[in-house]
Structure formats: structure tokens, C-alpha cells
Amino acid sequence: MNIWHFLLSLALIALLPRLAYWLCARFRPLGFVGPSLLCFAGGIALSFVLPDSAPASRISDACVSLAIPFLLFSLDFRAMRHLAKPAVRSFSLICVCVVAVSVGAHLLFSSRMGADSAAIDASLAGLFVGGLVNMAAVGNAVGLTGDTLTLLNTAYIVAGTVYLGIAALVLPPLARRFLPKYQKSDASTAEQDLANTMHAGMLRERLPMIALAVGIVLASMGISYLCTGNTQDAVLEMLCITSLSIACSFIPRVRESSGSYATGQYLIDMFCVAIGAMFHLSPDAEAGPVDLMLLMLFIQLAAAVLHLLLCRLFRIDADTALITSAAAIFSPAFIPPLAQFMKNRDVIAVGLLFSIFGFVVANYAGFAAYALMRLFC
């Protein structure tokens, strides 16, 4: 990887969120869309300019690892007790919905997917309960080739971006029309923290937290190496980062440090730019990628709508339903932007925790879906 390409990518990815914040503050329609989606759009635009997507991939991984400690440092987890039971129930429901819809998708679209239909749908069940690492794990286990997995990764960038817009702009007002209202706590809002994101005078105050966040990431890599011989075991490393960050949040000095959430949010928006910069659209693509994109959108939308209907039956409030659905379908990096659209910072911790937990249960969900397809289809 060319060092100059990496530095150019890093500079652009670091500066674009600042531009997105300025645009959102200056133009009201863009403020409604939000900086995170603007960062995605900017990243996709960069993908046509940057000579290599490898730097963006490395930067996106680093942003996620560093963002999670900052996002968790300032949250009071003792205030989450009233969310525990409905959140567990809601997350369990979305997992069941993803598995059921994946099996249904195999019944409906197997003729278009071909002989790999069951394996593809099982892999997508792993993806939409956990993440890309689970899609690859399930896919490899059920016999998908590397080319198919690469195609699924490419299709997910498009389908996931489209569904992100739906989850941010359409589902919140829809859910709040017929689900019980969330009872907000006294926690400070995300918008108040976000206002201080680029305040130069706060850099000295943030340095101890930056050192702590870097230390947590390095310690997690060390634990991963000791346990598996691999410093980049995604599931174990993310679990360690989350656990250590939660432990630190119980220290008053850490929890009360100013600017932690805002720093994490900026790193998340850098991630949005980086993941958009990894977008590639082949001009001679056949119908296969389009079919996969439509299949992914069907599973995401059908599972989300079925989940909201079940939440109505179980009397789960709208914001808990939305954030646990997002925790399953998206990776941890997307929880803060979606909570920002919901205007409810209180649910971020729950979303992050269940998103991490999704990595653990996703492989079981994928294998369960595959077994059901083989048994009944």
C-alpha cells in the first residue's frame, strides 16, 4: 500500500465530516438528512477519485475500534435498568424475524438465486443478526465460494446504504405511530455533545481519554492474541473493547470527561466516509448483483416490518424496537447515527451492547436458517 495514497485517503476521510457538519448547520434540508448520510455520500464520491480502496478499509476498521470507547465512556449504564427486559425481548424478536424472513426468501426467490440459494440466504441471516464477519463464517461453512462472498459484500454496500436511509427517515415516524412511547431519562442529548466536536479548546481535555481509548484497543488486541494467536479476531476484539470501555465508564472521572461522545461521533462519521469510499460498481455487472441487492433489501425490510408488528403485540416501545432492530441489522458503527435521527441518546448503549451480542448469536442464526431450509424447502 502506497504511503502517499494512505495519507491522502486519511486526510480526506478526516476532513469530510467537518464539511458535512458545516453543510448541515448552513442548509436546513441537509440538517434533516444528517451528517452521517452526507458522509456516506461523500465517501461514495471519493471512491471514484481515490486510486486504491485499501487505505479506506484500514481507516474504517481503526475508526470503529476507537469510536466505541469514546461512545461508552460518558454513558451511565445504571440508567439502563428500565430498558433491560423490553430490549432483550425486542432483540430476540428481531433475530427470530431475520431467520424466518430468510427462510421465506429462499422459498420465494430460489429460482433466481440458483443452486446456492439456501447458502446465500443463510449467510444473509448471519449478516443481518451480526455482521459481515458472520456472513463470511456462515458462507464458508455452508459452501459458498469466495467469489460469491465477494459479490455479497459489494451488493451489501448498496443495499445497506439504501436501507440505512429507510431506517433513519421512514421507520422512526412509522413505529412511533402505533407503538408505545419511550420514556426518556435525564441524560444529556447527543446534539449537545455534537456541538463541541470541533472545539479546539477541548483538545487538551480529551488527551487523557484518547490515551485511554488507544490503550483499550491495544489491550483488546493483546487479549485476542493471547486467546487465539490472532490480534484481529473481530468478535473477540470487539467484545473486549466494549467490556473494557463499559468498565471504565463506571469511573466518575472518565464518565464526566467532556467531549467523549462527540469525539466518538466524529470517528463514526469518518467511518461512514471510509466505508463509502470502498464502494465499487462494475460497469459490466450482470443481473446477479442486482438480484442480490434486491434480496437483501427484501430481507431487511420484511424483517423490520414483521418485528415492529410483533413489538406491538408484546407492548415494546418504539425507540427500543427501533434500536434493537438496528442493532441486529447493522454493525455497531451505525447505532449512534440512527440514535441521532431518533433524537434519543439514551438508547445508544443498549444498541451497542446488542449489536456486539449479535456477533455472538449470528452464526447460530445462520446455521438455524440453513437447517430449516434444508428440512422444509
Protein backbone atom coordinates (compact mmCIF):
# COMPACT_ATOMS: atom_id res chain seq x y z
CA MET A 1 0.00 0.00 0.00
CA ASN A 2 1.46 3.35 -1.09
CA ILE A 3 2.08 5.60 1.94
CA TRP A 4 1.08 8.71 -0.01
CA HIS A 5 -2.20 7.13 -1.04
CA PHE A 6 -2.84 6.26 2.60
CA LEU A 7 -2.07 9.81 3.82
CA LEU A 8 -4.26 11.33 1.10
CA SER A 9 -7.13 9.00 2.00
CA LEU A 10 -6.72 9.73 5.72
CA ALA A 11 -6.72 13.49 5.16
CA LEU A 12 -9.87 13.41 3.01
CA ILE A 13 -11.69 11.00 5.31
CA ALA A 14 -10.78 13.13 8.35
CA LEU A 15 -11.88 16.43 6.77
CA LEU A 16 -15.15 15.43 5.08
CA PRO A 17 -17.14 15.08 8.36
CA ARG A 18 -16.19 18.68 9.22
CA LEU A 19 -17.60 19.77 5.86
CA ALA A 20 -20.73 17.69 6.46
CA TYR A 21 -21.31 19.39 9.85
CA TRP A 22 -20.93 22.80 8.24
CA LEU A 23 -23.37 21.96 5.45
CA CYS A 24 -25.94 20.58 7.90
CA ALA A 25 -25.71 23.74 10.01
CA ARG A 26 -25.99 26.00 6.95
CA PHE A 27 -28.76 24.28 4.98
CA ARG A 28 -31.88 23.05 6.79
CA PRO A 29 -32.79 20.19 4.37
CA LEU A 30 -29.28 18.77 4.78
CA GLY A 31 -29.61 19.15 8.53
CA PHE A 32 -32.65 16.88 8.35
CA VAL A 33 -30.70 14.27 6.37
CA GLY A 34 -27.88 14.45 8.91
CA PRO A 35 -24.08 14.42 8.66
CA SER A 36 -23.70 10.64 8.71
CA LEU A 37 -25.61 10.08 5.46
CA LEU A 38 -23.79 13.04 3.91
CA CYS A 39 -20.53 11.40 4.90
CA PHE A 40 -21.66 8.21 3.16
CA ALA A 41 -22.46 10.17 0.01
CA GLY A 42 -19.11 11.95 0.18
CA GLY A 43 -17.32 8.64 0.62
CA ILE A 44 -19.04 7.17 -2.44
CA ALA A 45 -17.95 10.24 -4.41
CA LEU A 46 -14.37 9.68 -3.18
CA SER A 47 -14.47 6.08 -4.40
CA PHE A 48 -14.37 7.39 -7.97
CA VAL A 49 -11.31 9.56 -7.19
CA LEU A 50 -9.10 7.59 -4.81
CA PRO A 51 -6.69 5.25 -6.61
CA ASP A 52 -6.96 2.47 -4.02
CA SER A 53 -9.66 1.38 -1.53
CA ALA A 54 -7.23 -0.50 0.76
CA PRO A 55 -6.42 2.61 2.89
CA ALA A 56 -10.15 3.29 3.37
CA SER A 57 -10.64 -0.27 4.61
CA ARG A 58 -7.90 0.07 7.23
CA ILE A 59 -9.09 3.51 8.31
CA SER A 60 -12.67 2.28 8.70
CA ASP A 61 -11.53 -0.57 11.00
CA ALA A 62 -9.48 1.83 13.14
CA CYS A 63 -12.33 4.35 13.40
CA VAL A 64 -14.78 1.73 14.68
CA SER A 65 -12.33 0.35 17.24
CA LEU A 66 -11.52 3.81 18.61
CA ALA A 67 -15.06 5.19 18.44
CA ILE A 68 -16.68 2.60 20.70
CA PRO A 69 -14.69 3.53 23.85
CA PHE A 70 -15.50 7.22 23.39
CA LEU A 71 -19.18 6.47 22.87
CA LEU A 72 -19.36 4.34 26.01
CA PHE A 73 -17.20 6.43 28.35
CA SER A 74 -19.85 9.09 29.01
CA LEU A 75 -22.88 6.82 29.35
CA ASP A 76 -24.44 5.93 32.70
CA PHE A 77 -25.21 2.22 32.39
CA ARG A 78 -27.07 2.18 35.68
CA ALA A 79 -29.78 4.23 33.96
CA MET A 80 -30.36 1.34 31.53
CA ARG A 81 -32.07 -0.94 34.04
CA HIS A 82 -35.58 0.03 32.97
CA LEU A 83 -34.70 -0.91 29.38
CA ALA A 84 -33.31 -4.36 30.07
CA LYS A 85 -36.40 -6.58 29.79
CA PRO A 86 -38.07 -4.93 26.76
CA ALA A 87 -34.70 -4.68 24.99
CA VAL A 88 -33.92 -8.38 25.47
CA ARG A 89 -37.40 -9.29 24.29
CA SER A 90 -37.17 -6.98 21.27
CA PHE A 91 -33.73 -8.22 20.21
CA SER A 92 -34.87 -11.82 20.50
CA LEU A 93 -37.83 -11.00 18.25
CA ILE A 94 -35.72 -9.37 15.54
CA CYS A 95 -33.40 -12.41 15.48
CA VAL A 96 -36.40 -14.71 15.01
CA CYS A 97 -37.77 -12.39 12.31
CA VAL A 98 -34.49 -12.37 10.36
CA VAL A 99 -34.30 -16.19 10.40
CA ALA A 100 -37.97 -16.56 9.40
CA VAL A 101 -37.75 -14.00 6.58
CA SER A 102 -34.51 -15.56 5.28
CA VAL A 103 -36.26 -18.93 5.02
CA GLY A 104 -39.21 -17.22 3.33
CA ALA A 105 -36.88 -15.50 0.88
CA HIS A 106 -35.46 -18.89 -0.09
CA LEU A 107 -38.99 -20.15 -0.79
CA LEU A 108 -39.83 -17.10 -2.89
CA PHE A 109 -36.61 -16.44 -4.80
CA SER A 110 -34.69 -19.72 -5.01
CA SER A 111 -35.31 -19.90 -8.77
CA ARG A 112 -33.45 -16.62 -9.26
CA MET A 113 -30.64 -17.40 -6.82
CA GLY A 114 -29.90 -20.83 -8.28
CA ALA A 115 -28.29 -23.78 -6.53
CA ASP A 116 -26.68 -21.56 -3.88
CA SER A 117 -29.98 -20.05 -2.76
CA ALA A 118 -30.09 -21.73 0.66
CA ALA A 119 -26.45 -20.95 1.37
CA ILE A 120 -26.88 -17.30 0.32
CA ASP A 121 -29.98 -16.79 2.45
CA ALA A 122 -28.36 -18.49 5.45
CA SER A 123 -25.33 -16.24 5.06
CA LEU A 124 -27.61 -13.20 4.95
CA ALA A 125 -29.31 -14.37 8.15
CA GLY A 126 -25.86 -14.30 9.76
CA LEU A 127 -25.19 -10.87 8.27
CA PHE A 128 -28.44 -9.28 9.47
CA VAL A 129 -28.19 -10.65 13.01
CA GLY A 130 -24.45 -10.00 13.34
CA GLY A 131 -22.24 -8.53 10.64
CA LEU A 132 -20.03 -9.18 7.64
CA VAL A 133 -17.75 -11.43 9.68
CA ASN A 134 -20.73 -13.70 10.41
CA MET A 135 -21.81 -13.70 6.76
CA ALA A 136 -18.35 -14.94 5.81
CA ALA A 137 -18.29 -17.53 8.62
CA VAL A 138 -21.70 -18.97 7.73
CA GLY A 139 -20.99 -18.74 3.99
CA ASN A 140 -17.72 -20.64 4.28
CA ALA A 141 -19.37 -23.28 6.49
CA VAL A 142 -22.25 -23.93 4.05
CA GLY A 143 -20.07 -24.00 0.96
CA LEU A 144 -20.24 -20.57 -0.68
CA THR A 145 -17.27 -19.74 -2.89
CA GLY A 146 -15.02 -16.75 -2.33
CA ASP A 147 -16.36 -15.09 -5.48
CA THR A 148 -19.94 -15.29 -4.21
CA LEU A 149 -18.96 -13.86 -0.82
CA THR A 150 -17.13 -11.00 -2.54
CA LEU A 151 -20.23 -10.31 -4.60
CA LEU A 152 -22.37 -10.32 -1.45
CA ASN A 153 -20.02 -7.82 0.18
CA THR A 154 -20.25 -5.49 -2.81
CA ALA A 155 -24.04 -5.78 -3.01
CA TYR A 156 -24.35 -5.05 0.71
CA ILE A 157 -22.69 -1.65 0.35
CA VAL A 158 -25.55 -0.56 -1.95
CA ALA A 159 -28.42 -2.40 -0.26
CA GLY A 160 -27.21 -1.45 3.22
CA THR A 161 -26.92 2.21 2.27
CA VAL A 162 -30.46 2.25 0.86
CA TYR A 163 -31.87 0.54 3.93
CA LEU A 164 -29.91 2.89 6.20
CA GLY A 165 -31.86 5.77 4.68
CA ILE A 166 -35.13 3.90 5.25
CA ALA A 167 -34.20 3.04 8.85
CA ALA A 168 -33.23 6.65 9.55
CA LEU A 169 -36.03 8.54 7.82
CA VAL A 170 -39.03 6.21 7.41
CA LEU A 171 -39.13 3.66 10.23
CA PRO A 172 -38.93 6.05 13.25
CA PRO A 173 -42.10 8.05 12.45
CA LEU A 174 -43.85 4.84 11.36
CA ALA A 175 -43.02 2.98 14.59
CA ARG A 176 -43.99 5.92 16.78
CA ARG A 177 -47.47 5.99 15.26
CA PHE A 178 -48.57 2.66 16.71
CA LEU A 179 -46.03 1.57 19.35
CA PRO A 180 -45.92 2.82 22.96
CA LYS A 181 -43.90 5.96 23.63
CA TYR A 182 -40.39 5.67 25.03
CA GLN A 183 -39.90 7.23 28.47
CA LYS A 184 -36.80 9.39 28.23
CA SER A 185 -34.24 9.67 31.01
CA ASP A 186 -32.47 12.83 32.13
CA ALA A 187 -29.35 12.10 30.09
CA SER A 188 -27.89 14.91 28.02
CA THR A 189 -28.72 14.89 24.35
CA ALA A 190 -26.41 13.81 21.54
CA GLU A 191 -26.86 17.20 19.92
CA GLN A 192 -25.32 18.99 22.90
CA ASP A 193 -22.20 16.84 22.75
CA LEU A 194 -22.01 17.06 18.96
CA ALA A 195 -21.85 20.86 19.15
CA ASN A 196 -18.45 20.58 20.86
CA THR A 197 -16.96 18.10 18.39
CA MET A 198 -14.64 20.51 16.63
CA HIS A 199 -13.98 22.87 19.57
CA ALA A 200 -10.19 23.32 19.51
CA GLY A 201 -10.03 24.38 23.13
CA MET A 202 -11.18 20.93 24.26
CA LEU A 203 -8.25 19.01 22.77
CA ARG A 204 -6.16 19.16 25.95
CA GLU A 205 -9.12 17.88 27.98
CA ARG A 206 -9.57 14.98 25.59
CA LEU A 207 -5.95 13.80 25.56
CA PRO A 208 -6.29 11.52 28.64
CA MET A 209 -9.41 9.94 27.14
CA ILE A 210 -7.66 9.50 23.79
CA ALA A 211 -4.80 7.73 25.56
CA LEU A 212 -7.29 5.55 27.46
CA ALA A 213 -9.20 4.64 24.27
CA VAL A 214 -5.97 3.70 22.45
CA GLY A 215 -4.90 1.67 25.48
CA ILE A 216 -8.20 -0.22 25.48
CA VAL A 217 -7.84 -1.08 21.78
CA LEU A 218 -4.23 -2.25 22.23
CA ALA A 219 -5.16 -4.27 25.32
CA SER A 220 -8.02 -5.90 23.40
CA MET A 221 -5.66 -6.83 20.57
CA GLY A 222 -3.30 -8.33 23.15
CA ILE A 223 -6.09 -10.37 24.74
CA SER A 224 -7.16 -11.57 21.27
CA TYR A 225 -3.60 -12.65 20.53
CA LEU A 226 -3.20 -14.49 23.83
CA CYS A 227 -6.51 -16.34 23.36
CA THR A 228 -6.41 -17.10 19.63
CA GLY A 229 -2.92 -16.28 18.35
CA ASN A 230 -4.54 -13.62 16.16
CA THR A 231 -4.62 -9.88 17.00
CA GLN A 232 -7.53 -9.31 14.63
CA ASP A 233 -10.17 -11.77 15.80
CA ALA A 234 -13.09 -9.41 15.10
CA VAL A 235 -15.63 -10.88 17.51
CA LEU A 236 -13.30 -11.33 20.49
CA GLU A 237 -11.61 -7.96 19.95
CA MET A 238 -14.91 -6.09 19.76
CA LEU A 239 -16.20 -7.85 22.87
CA CYS A 240 -13.05 -6.89 24.76
CA ILE A 241 -13.18 -3.25 23.62
CA THR A 242 -16.82 -2.99 24.68
CA SER A 243 -16.31 -4.72 28.04
CA LEU A 244 -13.26 -2.64 28.98
CA SER A 245 -14.98 0.59 27.89
CA ILE A 246 -18.06 -0.22 29.96
CA ALA A 247 -15.84 -0.94 32.98
CA CYS A 248 -14.12 2.43 32.55
CA SER A 249 -17.48 4.22 32.30
CA PHE A 250 -18.13 3.38 35.96
CA ILE A 251 -15.16 5.59 36.92
CA PRO A 252 -16.66 9.04 37.62
CA ARG A 253 -13.69 10.94 36.18
CA VAL A 254 -13.96 9.03 32.91
CA ARG A 255 -17.76 9.27 32.70
CA GLU A 256 -17.77 13.01 33.40
CA SER A 257 -14.99 13.89 30.95
CA SER A 258 -16.30 16.40 28.41
CA GLY A 259 -16.33 15.71 24.69
CA SER A 260 -16.07 11.90 24.82
CA TYR A 261 -19.32 11.20 23.00
CA ALA A 262 -18.66 13.95 20.47
CA THR A 263 -15.21 12.54 19.68
CA GLY A 264 -16.72 9.10 19.16
CA GLN A 265 -19.39 10.54 16.89
CA TYR A 266 -16.76 12.23 14.74
CA LEU A 267 -14.88 8.95 14.40
CA ILE A 268 -18.15 7.28 13.38
CA ASP A 269 -18.68 9.88 10.66
CA MET A 270 -15.12 9.25 9.48
CA PHE A 271 -16.07 5.58 9.31
CA CYS A 272 -19.10 6.50 7.17
CA VAL A 273 -16.80 8.30 4.71
CA ALA A 274 -14.36 5.39 4.66
CA ILE A 275 -16.99 2.72 4.08
CA GLY A 276 -18.49 4.80 1.27
CA ALA A 277 -15.02 5.16 -0.29
CA MET A 278 -14.86 1.36 -0.56
CA PHE A 279 -17.84 1.36 -2.96
CA HIS A 280 -17.16 -0.05 -6.43
CA LEU A 281 -19.68 -0.54 -9.20
CA SER A 282 -18.59 -2.65 -12.14
CA PRO A 283 -19.87 -1.21 -15.45
CA ASP A 284 -20.31 -4.70 -16.93
CA ALA A 285 -22.09 -6.24 -13.96
CA GLU A 286 -24.70 -8.84 -14.81
CA ALA A 287 -28.16 -9.34 -13.27
CA GLY A 288 -26.70 -11.32 -10.34
CA PRO A 289 -25.58 -8.32 -8.25
CA VAL A 290 -28.91 -6.58 -8.79
CA ASP A 291 -30.78 -9.70 -7.65
CA LEU A 292 -28.62 -9.88 -4.53
CA MET A 293 -29.24 -6.22 -3.71
CA LEU A 294 -33.00 -6.70 -4.06
CA LEU A 295 -32.85 -9.88 -1.97
CA MET A 296 -31.00 -8.05 0.82
CA LEU A 297 -33.48 -5.17 0.77
CA PHE A 298 -36.37 -7.63 0.94
CA ILE A 299 -34.93 -9.43 3.98
CA GLN A 300 -34.09 -6.17 5.77
CA LEU A 301 -37.47 -4.53 5.15
CA ALA A 302 -39.62 -7.62 5.73
CA ALA A 303 -37.79 -8.50 8.96
CA ALA A 304 -38.04 -4.91 10.23
CA VAL A 305 -41.77 -4.60 9.50
CA LEU A 306 -42.56 -8.04 10.97
CA HIS A 307 -40.51 -7.09 14.04
CA LEU A 308 -42.49 -3.86 14.55
CA LEU A 309 -45.76 -5.79 14.33
CA LEU A 310 -44.56 -8.28 16.95
CA CYS A 311 -43.37 -5.42 19.16
CA ARG A 312 -46.92 -4.08 19.04
CA LEU A 313 -48.15 -7.46 20.27
CA PHE A 314 -45.60 -7.52 23.10
CA ARG A 315 -46.12 -3.84 24.04
CA ILE A 316 -42.49 -2.85 23.36
CA ASP A 317 -41.92 0.89 22.98
CA ALA A 318 -40.99 2.41 19.64
CA ASP A 319 -37.42 3.53 20.38
CA THR A 320 -36.41 0.22 21.97
CA ALA A 321 -37.88 -1.63 18.99
CA LEU A 322 -36.04 0.60 16.50
CA ILE A 323 -32.64 0.48 18.20
CA THR A 324 -32.66 -3.30 18.74
CA SER A 325 -33.72 -3.83 15.13
CA ALA A 326 -30.82 -1.63 14.06
CA ALA A 327 -28.51 -3.49 16.45
CA ALA A 328 -29.22 -6.74 14.59
CA ILE A 329 -29.32 -5.47 11.02
CA PHE A 330 -26.42 -3.00 11.27
CA SER A 331 -22.96 -3.08 12.81
CA PRO A 332 -22.14 -1.09 15.99
CA ALA A 333 -20.86 1.80 13.90
CA PHE A 334 -24.37 2.64 12.69
CA ILE A 335 -26.07 2.74 16.09
CA PRO A 336 -25.07 6.33 17.03
CA PRO A 337 -26.15 7.88 13.69
CA LEU A 338 -29.52 6.12 13.89
CA ALA A 339 -29.96 7.17 17.53
CA GLN A 340 -29.19 10.70 16.39
CA PHE A 341 -32.00 10.51 13.83
CA MET A 342 -34.28 9.20 16.57
CA LYS A 343 -33.19 12.14 18.76
CA ASN A 344 -32.67 9.78 21.69
CA ARG A 345 -29.16 9.30 23.01
CA ASP A 346 -30.42 7.14 25.88
CA VAL A 347 -30.74 4.06 23.65
CA ILE A 348 -27.18 4.15 22.25
CA ALA A 349 -25.68 1.94 24.97
CA VAL A 350 -28.41 -0.68 24.55
CA GLY A 351 -27.97 -0.60 20.77
CA LEU A 352 -24.20 -1.02 21.01
CA LEU A 353 -24.42 -3.84 23.52
CA PHE A 354 -26.94 -5.82 21.48
CA SER A 355 -25.07 -5.10 18.26
CA ILE A 356 -21.95 -6.66 19.80
CA PHE A 357 -24.02 -9.54 21.18
CA GLY A 358 -25.32 -10.08 17.65
CA PHE A 359 -21.83 -11.16 16.58
CA VAL A 360 -22.07 -14.00 19.10
CA VAL A 361 -25.52 -15.34 18.14
CA ALA A 362 -25.42 -14.62 14.39
CA ASN A 363 -23.62 -17.80 13.40
CA TYR A 364 -26.25 -19.85 15.23
CA ALA A 365 -28.99 -17.88 13.44
CA GLY A 366 -27.40 -18.52 10.06
CA PHE A 367 -26.97 -22.24 10.69
CA ALA A 368 -30.54 -22.47 12.04
CA ALA A 369 -31.89 -20.81 8.90
CA TYR A 370 -29.87 -23.17 6.70
CA ALA A 371 -31.11 -26.21 8.61
CA LEU A 372 -34.73 -25.07 8.26
CA MET A 373 -34.31 -24.54 4.52
CA ARG A 374 -32.83 -28.00 4.07
CA LEU A 375 -35.51 -29.59 6.24
CA PHE A 376 -38.64 -27.93 4.84
CA CYS A 377 -37.71 -26.45 1.43
